[in-house]
């Protein structure tokens, strides 16, 4: 149930193991995600910039293992706020590793928040996306993080 199709890579466009991608160079808010969360974060980025005037950088971590810790830390080094978007459940998700990374290893400590799937059974059929992050939940969490930093 991918929310979008990834384009076929060109023969000359190899992605190195651990290589991340950045979309935008804002310092007000960075959204870190991957897979469907990345797709939704790009939608939210447009809404936040166009309708809220919030400067947003979206970081696609691309690789879950190995996680390129230094690239992620470098990418958010000048960001005031970081929102981590993860389709996995609240407990035991990649978002926990990303939060820990930024709290324990980043010299600059941005305001942090996560948008994750709820801890629940795995719904099937039409309910499959009910517990997952959405573009609206990302926009809402970003606005809350900017307005009320932790």
N, C-alpha and C. Protein backbone atom coordinates (compact mmCIF):
# COMPACT_ATOMS: atom_id res chain seq x y z
N UNK A 1 0.81 -1.19 0.00
CA UNK A 1 0.00 0.00 0.00
C UNK A 1 0.85 1.26 0.00
N UNK A 2 1.85 1.31 -0.85
CA UNK A 2 2.65 2.52 -0.99
C UNK A 2 1.74 3.65 -1.44
N UNK A 3 1.98 4.84 -0.93
CA UNK A 3 1.18 5.99 -1.29
C UNK A 3 1.64 6.63 -2.60
N UNK A 4 2.79 6.23 -3.07
CA UNK A 4 3.26 6.76 -4.36
C UNK A 4 4.24 5.75 -4.95
N UNK A 5 4.48 5.91 -6.23
CA UNK A 5 5.47 5.08 -6.89
C UNK A 5 6.79 5.82 -6.93
N UNK A 6 7.84 5.15 -6.54
CA UNK A 6 9.17 5.75 -6.67
C UNK A 6 9.62 5.57 -8.11
N UNK A 7 10.17 6.62 -8.70
CA UNK A 7 10.62 6.47 -10.09
C UNK A 7 11.78 5.49 -10.19
N UNK A 8 11.87 4.81 -11.32
CA UNK A 8 12.99 3.90 -11.55
C UNK A 8 14.27 4.74 -11.59
N UNK A 9 15.29 4.32 -10.86
CA UNK A 9 16.55 5.08 -10.90
C UNK A 9 17.25 4.92 -12.23
N UNK A 10 17.94 5.96 -12.65
CA UNK A 10 18.78 5.89 -13.83
C UNK A 10 19.99 5.03 -13.50
N UNK A 11 20.62 4.48 -14.51
CA UNK A 11 21.82 3.66 -14.30
C UNK A 11 22.93 4.48 -13.65
N UNK A 12 22.94 5.80 -13.89
CA UNK A 12 23.98 6.66 -13.35
C UNK A 12 23.62 7.32 -12.02
N UNK A 13 22.47 6.98 -11.47
CA UNK A 13 22.04 7.66 -10.25
C UNK A 13 22.01 6.72 -9.05
N UNK A 14 23.09 6.04 -8.82
CA UNK A 14 23.19 5.15 -7.67
C UNK A 14 23.18 5.95 -6.38
N UNK A 15 22.56 5.39 -5.37
CA UNK A 15 22.53 6.00 -4.04
C UNK A 15 23.45 5.17 -3.16
N UNK A 16 24.41 5.80 -2.57
CA UNK A 16 25.34 5.09 -1.69
C UNK A 16 24.62 4.64 -0.43
N UNK A 17 25.10 3.55 0.15
CA UNK A 17 24.54 3.05 1.39
C UNK A 17 24.63 4.16 2.44
N UNK A 18 23.50 4.45 3.08
CA UNK A 18 23.46 5.46 4.12
C UNK A 18 23.25 6.88 3.62
N UNK A 19 23.27 7.10 2.32
CA UNK A 19 23.12 8.46 1.78
C UNK A 19 21.71 8.98 2.04
N UNK A 20 21.61 10.20 2.56
CA UNK A 20 20.31 10.83 2.79
C UNK A 20 20.03 11.83 1.68
N UNK A 21 18.80 12.32 1.63
CA UNK A 21 18.43 13.37 0.67
C UNK A 21 17.77 14.50 1.43
N UNK A 22 18.03 15.72 1.00
CA UNK A 22 17.45 16.91 1.62
C UNK A 22 16.63 17.66 0.58
N UNK A 23 15.47 18.13 1.01
CA UNK A 23 14.59 18.92 0.15
C UNK A 23 14.31 20.23 0.87
N UNK A 24 15.00 21.28 0.42
CA UNK A 24 14.93 22.58 1.07
C UNK A 24 16.14 22.78 1.95
N UNK A 25 16.33 24.01 2.38
CA UNK A 25 17.48 24.30 3.27
C UNK A 25 17.06 25.19 4.42
N UNK A 26 15.83 25.06 4.87
CA UNK A 26 15.29 25.89 5.94
C UNK A 26 15.94 25.57 7.28
N UNK A 27 15.92 26.54 8.17
CA UNK A 27 16.44 26.32 9.51
C UNK A 27 15.34 26.37 10.57
N UNK A 28 14.13 26.79 10.19
CA UNK A 28 13.04 26.87 11.15
C UNK A 28 12.53 25.50 11.55
N UNK A 29 12.36 24.60 10.57
CA UNK A 29 11.84 23.27 10.83
C UNK A 29 12.44 22.26 9.87
N UNK A 30 12.90 21.15 10.43
CA UNK A 30 13.32 20.01 9.61
C UNK A 30 12.39 18.86 9.93
N UNK A 31 11.92 18.18 8.90
CA UNK A 31 11.12 16.98 9.07
C UNK A 31 11.97 15.81 8.58
N UNK A 32 12.20 14.85 9.46
CA UNK A 32 12.99 13.66 9.12
C UNK A 32 12.02 12.50 8.93
N UNK A 33 12.15 11.79 7.81
CA UNK A 33 11.27 10.66 7.55
C UNK A 33 11.87 9.72 6.52
N UNK A 34 11.06 8.76 6.09
CA UNK A 34 11.44 7.81 5.04
C UNK A 34 10.16 7.17 4.51
N UNK A 35 10.25 6.55 3.36
CA UNK A 35 9.15 5.80 2.74
C UNK A 35 7.88 6.64 2.66
N UNK A 36 6.72 6.09 3.04
CA UNK A 36 5.47 6.82 2.94
C UNK A 36 5.46 8.08 3.81
N UNK A 37 6.16 8.05 4.92
CA UNK A 37 6.27 9.24 5.76
C UNK A 37 6.96 10.37 5.02
N UNK A 38 7.93 10.03 4.19
CA UNK A 38 8.61 11.04 3.37
C UNK A 38 7.63 11.65 2.38
N UNK A 39 6.87 10.80 1.71
CA UNK A 39 5.88 11.27 0.75
C UNK A 39 4.89 12.23 1.41
N UNK A 40 4.36 11.86 2.57
CA UNK A 40 3.42 12.71 3.29
C UNK A 40 4.09 13.98 3.81
N UNK A 41 5.33 13.87 4.21
CA UNK A 41 6.07 15.04 4.71
C UNK A 41 6.29 16.07 3.62
N UNK A 42 6.51 15.61 2.39
CA UNK A 42 6.66 16.54 1.26
C UNK A 42 5.34 17.27 0.99
N UNK A 43 4.22 16.58 1.15
CA UNK A 43 2.93 17.24 1.02
C UNK A 43 2.76 18.28 2.12
N UNK A 44 3.08 17.90 3.35
CA UNK A 44 2.97 18.81 4.48
C UNK A 44 3.92 20.00 4.33
N UNK A 45 5.10 19.77 3.78
CA UNK A 45 6.07 20.84 3.56
C UNK A 45 5.44 21.95 2.72
N UNK A 46 4.78 21.58 1.65
CA UNK A 46 4.15 22.57 0.77
C UNK A 46 3.05 23.35 1.51
N UNK A 47 2.21 22.65 2.25
CA UNK A 47 1.14 23.30 3.01
C UNK A 47 1.72 24.24 4.05
N UNK A 48 2.71 23.76 4.80
CA UNK A 48 3.31 24.59 5.86
C UNK A 48 3.95 25.85 5.28
N UNK A 49 4.64 25.71 4.16
CA UNK A 49 5.30 26.86 3.55
C UNK A 49 4.29 27.81 2.92
N UNK A 50 3.35 27.27 2.14
CA UNK A 50 2.42 28.12 1.39
C UNK A 50 1.33 28.74 2.26
N UNK A 51 0.82 27.97 3.23
CA UNK A 51 -0.33 28.44 4.01
C UNK A 51 0.03 28.98 5.38
N UNK A 52 1.17 28.54 5.93
CA UNK A 52 1.54 28.95 7.29
C UNK A 52 2.79 29.82 7.34
N UNK A 53 3.51 29.90 6.23
CA UNK A 53 4.75 30.69 6.21
C UNK A 53 5.87 30.07 7.03
N UNK A 54 5.81 28.76 7.25
CA UNK A 54 6.83 28.05 8.03
C UNK A 54 7.87 27.50 7.06
N UNK A 55 9.13 27.85 7.31
CA UNK A 55 10.23 27.35 6.48
C UNK A 55 10.52 25.90 6.86
N UNK A 56 10.52 25.01 5.86
CA UNK A 56 10.63 23.57 6.12
C UNK A 56 11.69 22.93 5.23
N UNK A 57 12.50 22.10 5.85
CA UNK A 57 13.41 21.20 5.12
C UNK A 57 12.93 19.79 5.41
N UNK A 58 12.83 18.96 4.37
CA UNK A 58 12.46 17.55 4.56
C UNK A 58 13.70 16.71 4.28
N UNK A 59 13.99 15.81 5.20
CA UNK A 59 15.14 14.92 5.09
C UNK A 59 14.63 13.50 4.93
N UNK A 60 15.01 12.87 3.82
CA UNK A 60 14.67 11.47 3.56
C UNK A 60 15.88 10.64 3.98
N UNK A 61 15.75 9.87 5.07
CA UNK A 61 16.92 9.12 5.54
C UNK A 61 17.23 7.93 4.64
N UNK A 62 16.27 7.49 3.85
CA UNK A 62 16.42 6.44 2.84
C UNK A 62 16.82 5.08 3.39
N UNK A 63 17.76 5.03 4.29
CA UNK A 63 18.29 3.76 4.82
C UNK A 63 17.97 3.67 6.30
N UNK A 64 17.45 2.53 6.72
CA UNK A 64 17.19 2.32 8.14
C UNK A 64 18.38 1.66 8.82
N UNK A 65 19.14 0.92 8.05
CA UNK A 65 20.33 0.27 8.59
C UNK A 65 21.33 0.09 7.46
N UNK A 66 22.50 0.62 7.57
CA UNK A 66 22.94 1.42 8.70
C UNK A 66 22.36 2.84 8.61
N UNK A 67 22.05 3.40 9.75
CA UNK A 67 21.57 4.76 9.85
C UNK A 67 22.79 5.69 9.77
N UNK A 68 22.76 6.64 8.85
CA UNK A 68 23.89 7.55 8.70
C UNK A 68 23.76 8.66 9.73
N UNK A 69 24.22 8.37 10.93
CA UNK A 69 24.05 9.28 12.05
C UNK A 69 24.66 10.66 11.79
N UNK A 70 25.89 10.68 11.29
CA UNK A 70 26.56 11.96 11.10
C UNK A 70 25.86 12.82 10.06
N UNK A 71 25.40 12.21 8.99
CA UNK A 71 24.69 12.97 7.94
C UNK A 71 23.40 13.58 8.49
N UNK A 72 22.70 12.83 9.32
CA UNK A 72 21.46 13.33 9.92
C UNK A 72 21.76 14.46 10.88
N UNK A 73 22.75 14.28 11.73
CA UNK A 73 23.14 15.33 12.68
C UNK A 73 23.56 16.59 11.93
N UNK A 74 24.36 16.43 10.89
CA UNK A 74 24.81 17.58 10.10
C UNK A 74 23.63 18.28 9.42
N UNK A 75 22.67 17.50 8.95
CA UNK A 75 21.54 18.06 8.22
C UNK A 75 20.64 18.92 9.11
N UNK A 76 20.55 18.61 10.39
CA UNK A 76 19.69 19.39 11.29
C UNK A 76 20.48 20.34 12.19
N UNK A 77 21.77 20.46 11.96
CA UNK A 77 22.64 21.24 12.84
C UNK A 77 22.19 22.69 13.02
N UNK A 78 21.54 23.26 12.03
CA UNK A 78 21.13 24.66 12.12
C UNK A 78 19.62 24.82 12.23
N UNK A 79 18.92 23.73 12.53
CA UNK A 79 17.46 23.78 12.61
C UNK A 79 16.99 24.01 14.05
N UNK A 80 16.03 24.88 14.19
CA UNK A 80 15.46 25.17 15.52
C UNK A 80 14.57 24.04 16.00
N UNK A 81 13.83 23.43 15.07
CA UNK A 81 12.84 22.42 15.40
C UNK A 81 12.99 21.22 14.47
N UNK A 82 12.81 20.02 15.03
CA UNK A 82 12.89 18.80 14.22
C UNK A 82 11.66 17.96 14.53
N UNK A 83 10.95 17.61 13.47
CA UNK A 83 9.79 16.74 13.57
C UNK A 83 10.15 15.43 12.88
N UNK A 84 10.01 14.33 13.60
CA UNK A 84 10.31 13.01 13.05
C UNK A 84 8.98 12.34 12.71
N UNK A 85 8.83 11.92 11.45
CA UNK A 85 7.60 11.29 10.98
C UNK A 85 7.93 9.83 10.66
N UNK A 86 7.21 8.92 11.33
CA UNK A 86 7.48 7.49 11.20
C UNK A 86 6.17 6.72 11.15
N UNK A 87 5.98 5.93 10.11
CA UNK A 87 4.76 5.12 9.99
C UNK A 87 4.74 3.95 10.95
N UNK A 88 5.86 3.61 11.51
CA UNK A 88 5.90 2.50 12.46
C UNK A 88 5.26 2.91 13.78
N UNK A 89 4.95 1.93 14.59
CA UNK A 89 4.26 2.18 15.85
C UNK A 89 5.10 3.04 16.79
N UNK A 90 4.42 3.67 17.71
CA UNK A 90 5.04 4.56 18.70
C UNK A 90 6.16 3.83 19.46
N UNK A 91 5.90 2.61 19.87
CA UNK A 91 6.86 1.83 20.63
C UNK A 91 7.69 0.95 19.70
N UNK A 92 8.99 1.08 19.79
CA UNK A 92 9.88 0.23 19.01
C UNK A 92 10.09 0.67 17.58
N UNK A 93 9.89 1.94 17.30
CA UNK A 93 10.02 2.42 15.93
C UNK A 93 11.37 3.07 15.68
N UNK A 94 11.65 3.31 14.41
CA UNK A 94 12.88 4.00 14.02
C UNK A 94 12.92 5.40 14.62
N UNK A 95 11.75 5.98 14.85
CA UNK A 95 11.70 7.33 15.41
C UNK A 95 12.37 7.39 16.79
N UNK A 96 12.29 6.31 17.54
CA UNK A 96 12.95 6.28 18.85
C UNK A 96 14.47 6.38 18.69
N UNK A 97 15.00 5.68 17.70
CA UNK A 97 16.45 5.73 17.45
C UNK A 97 16.86 7.13 16.99
N UNK A 98 16.03 7.76 16.17
CA UNK A 98 16.35 9.11 15.70
C UNK A 98 16.29 10.13 16.84
N UNK A 99 15.30 10.02 17.70
CA UNK A 99 15.21 10.91 18.87
C UNK A 99 16.43 10.74 19.76
N UNK A 100 16.78 9.49 20.04
CA UNK A 100 17.93 9.20 20.89
C UNK A 100 19.21 9.75 20.26
N UNK A 101 19.37 9.56 18.97
CA UNK A 101 20.53 10.08 18.26
C UNK A 101 20.67 11.59 18.48
N UNK A 102 19.59 12.33 18.26
CA UNK A 102 19.66 13.78 18.36
C UNK A 102 19.85 14.26 19.80
N UNK A 103 19.26 13.55 20.76
CA UNK A 103 19.42 13.93 22.16
C UNK A 103 20.82 13.62 22.67
N UNK A 104 21.35 12.45 22.31
CA UNK A 104 22.62 12.01 22.87
C UNK A 104 23.85 12.49 22.10
N UNK A 105 23.74 12.67 20.78
CA UNK A 105 24.95 12.91 20.00
C UNK A 105 25.03 14.25 19.29
N UNK A 106 23.92 14.94 19.12
CA UNK A 106 23.96 16.22 18.41
C UNK A 106 24.46 17.31 19.34
N UNK A 107 25.41 18.11 18.88
CA UNK A 107 25.91 19.22 19.68
C UNK A 107 24.83 20.28 19.86
N UNK A 108 24.08 20.53 18.80
CA UNK A 108 22.96 21.46 18.83
C UNK A 108 21.70 20.67 19.18
N UNK A 109 20.96 21.09 20.18
CA UNK A 109 19.76 20.38 20.62
C UNK A 109 18.51 21.12 20.14
N UNK A 110 17.94 20.69 19.01
CA UNK A 110 16.72 21.33 18.53
C UNK A 110 15.51 20.91 19.36
N UNK A 111 14.41 21.63 19.23
CA UNK A 111 13.15 21.20 19.81
C UNK A 111 12.69 19.99 19.00
N UNK A 112 12.27 18.93 19.69
CA UNK A 112 11.96 17.66 19.02
C UNK A 112 10.51 17.24 19.24
N UNK A 113 9.94 16.60 18.23
CA UNK A 113 8.60 16.03 18.33
C UNK A 113 8.52 14.89 17.31
N UNK A 114 7.64 13.90 17.60
CA UNK A 114 7.42 12.79 16.67
C UNK A 114 5.95 12.73 16.26
N UNK A 115 5.73 12.27 15.03
CA UNK A 115 4.42 11.86 14.55
C UNK A 115 4.60 10.41 14.14
N UNK A 116 3.90 9.51 14.82
CA UNK A 116 4.06 8.08 14.59
C UNK A 116 2.70 7.40 14.52
N UNK A 117 2.71 6.14 14.12
CA UNK A 117 1.49 5.35 14.16
C UNK A 117 1.17 5.00 15.60
N UNK A 118 -0.09 4.77 15.86
CA UNK A 118 -0.51 4.41 17.21
C UNK A 118 -0.07 2.98 17.54
N UNK A 119 0.19 2.74 18.82
CA UNK A 119 0.44 1.37 19.28
C UNK A 119 -0.90 0.65 19.28
N UNK A 120 -1.07 -0.30 18.37
CA UNK A 120 -2.34 -1.01 18.28
C UNK A 120 -2.14 -2.27 17.45
N UNK A 121 -3.22 -3.00 17.28
CA UNK A 121 -3.19 -4.14 16.38
C UNK A 121 -2.98 -3.60 14.96
N UNK A 122 -2.67 -4.46 14.03
CA UNK A 122 -2.48 -4.03 12.65
C UNK A 122 -3.82 -4.13 11.94
N UNK A 123 -4.44 -2.98 11.66
CA UNK A 123 -5.74 -3.03 11.01
C UNK A 123 -5.62 -3.47 9.55
N UNK A 124 -6.68 -4.05 9.04
CA UNK A 124 -6.71 -4.52 7.66
C UNK A 124 -7.81 -3.80 6.89
N UNK A 125 -7.80 -3.96 5.60
CA UNK A 125 -8.85 -3.40 4.76
C UNK A 125 -8.87 -1.89 4.81
N UNK A 126 -10.08 -1.31 4.86
CA UNK A 126 -10.25 0.14 4.84
C UNK A 126 -9.65 0.82 6.07
N UNK A 127 -9.46 0.07 7.13
CA UNK A 127 -8.92 0.64 8.37
C UNK A 127 -7.39 0.66 8.39
N UNK A 128 -6.75 0.18 7.34
CA UNK A 128 -5.29 0.02 7.32
C UNK A 128 -4.53 1.31 7.60
N UNK A 129 -5.08 2.45 7.23
CA UNK A 129 -4.33 3.70 7.42
C UNK A 129 -4.84 4.55 8.57
N UNK A 130 -5.85 4.08 9.28
CA UNK A 130 -6.45 4.88 10.35
C UNK A 130 -5.45 5.24 11.44
N UNK A 131 -4.57 4.33 11.77
CA UNK A 131 -3.63 4.57 12.87
C UNK A 131 -2.32 5.22 12.42
N UNK A 132 -2.15 5.44 11.11
CA UNK A 132 -0.89 5.95 10.57
C UNK A 132 -0.85 7.47 10.52
N UNK A 133 0.35 8.04 10.46
CA UNK A 133 0.45 9.48 10.26
C UNK A 133 -0.22 9.88 8.94
N UNK A 134 -0.70 11.11 8.89
CA UNK A 134 -1.30 11.64 7.68
C UNK A 134 -0.69 13.01 7.40
N UNK A 135 -0.93 13.53 6.24
CA UNK A 135 -0.47 14.88 5.92
C UNK A 135 -1.02 15.86 6.96
N UNK A 136 -2.30 15.73 7.31
CA UNK A 136 -2.91 16.62 8.29
C UNK A 136 -2.27 16.50 9.67
N UNK A 137 -1.95 15.28 10.10
CA UNK A 137 -1.33 15.12 11.42
C UNK A 137 0.10 15.67 11.44
N UNK A 138 0.78 15.60 10.30
CA UNK A 138 2.13 16.18 10.20
C UNK A 138 2.06 17.70 10.27
N UNK A 139 1.13 18.30 9.51
CA UNK A 139 0.96 19.75 9.54
C UNK A 139 0.60 20.21 10.95
N UNK A 140 -0.32 19.53 11.59
CA UNK A 140 -0.74 19.88 12.94
C UNK A 140 0.41 19.80 13.94
N UNK A 141 1.18 18.72 13.89
CA UNK A 141 2.32 18.55 14.80
C UNK A 141 3.39 19.60 14.55
N UNK A 142 3.63 19.93 13.28
CA UNK A 142 4.64 20.95 12.95
C UNK A 142 4.23 22.30 13.50
N UNK A 143 2.97 22.67 13.31
CA UNK A 143 2.48 23.95 13.82
C UNK A 143 2.57 24.00 15.34
N UNK A 144 2.23 22.88 16.01
CA UNK A 144 2.32 22.82 17.46
C UNK A 144 3.76 22.94 17.94
N UNK A 145 4.68 22.27 17.26
CA UNK A 145 6.09 22.33 17.64
C UNK A 145 6.65 23.75 17.49
N UNK A 146 6.29 24.43 16.40
CA UNK A 146 6.76 25.80 16.19
C UNK A 146 6.18 26.74 17.23
N UNK A 147 4.89 26.57 17.56
CA UNK A 147 4.21 27.45 18.50
C UNK A 147 4.57 27.17 19.96
N UNK A 148 4.84 25.90 20.27
CA UNK A 148 5.11 25.51 21.66
C UNK A 148 6.31 24.61 21.75
N UNK A 149 7.52 25.15 21.54
CA UNK A 149 8.71 24.30 21.60
C UNK A 149 8.84 23.65 22.97
N UNK A 150 9.34 22.42 22.97
CA UNK A 150 9.50 21.69 24.24
C UNK A 150 10.65 22.22 25.06
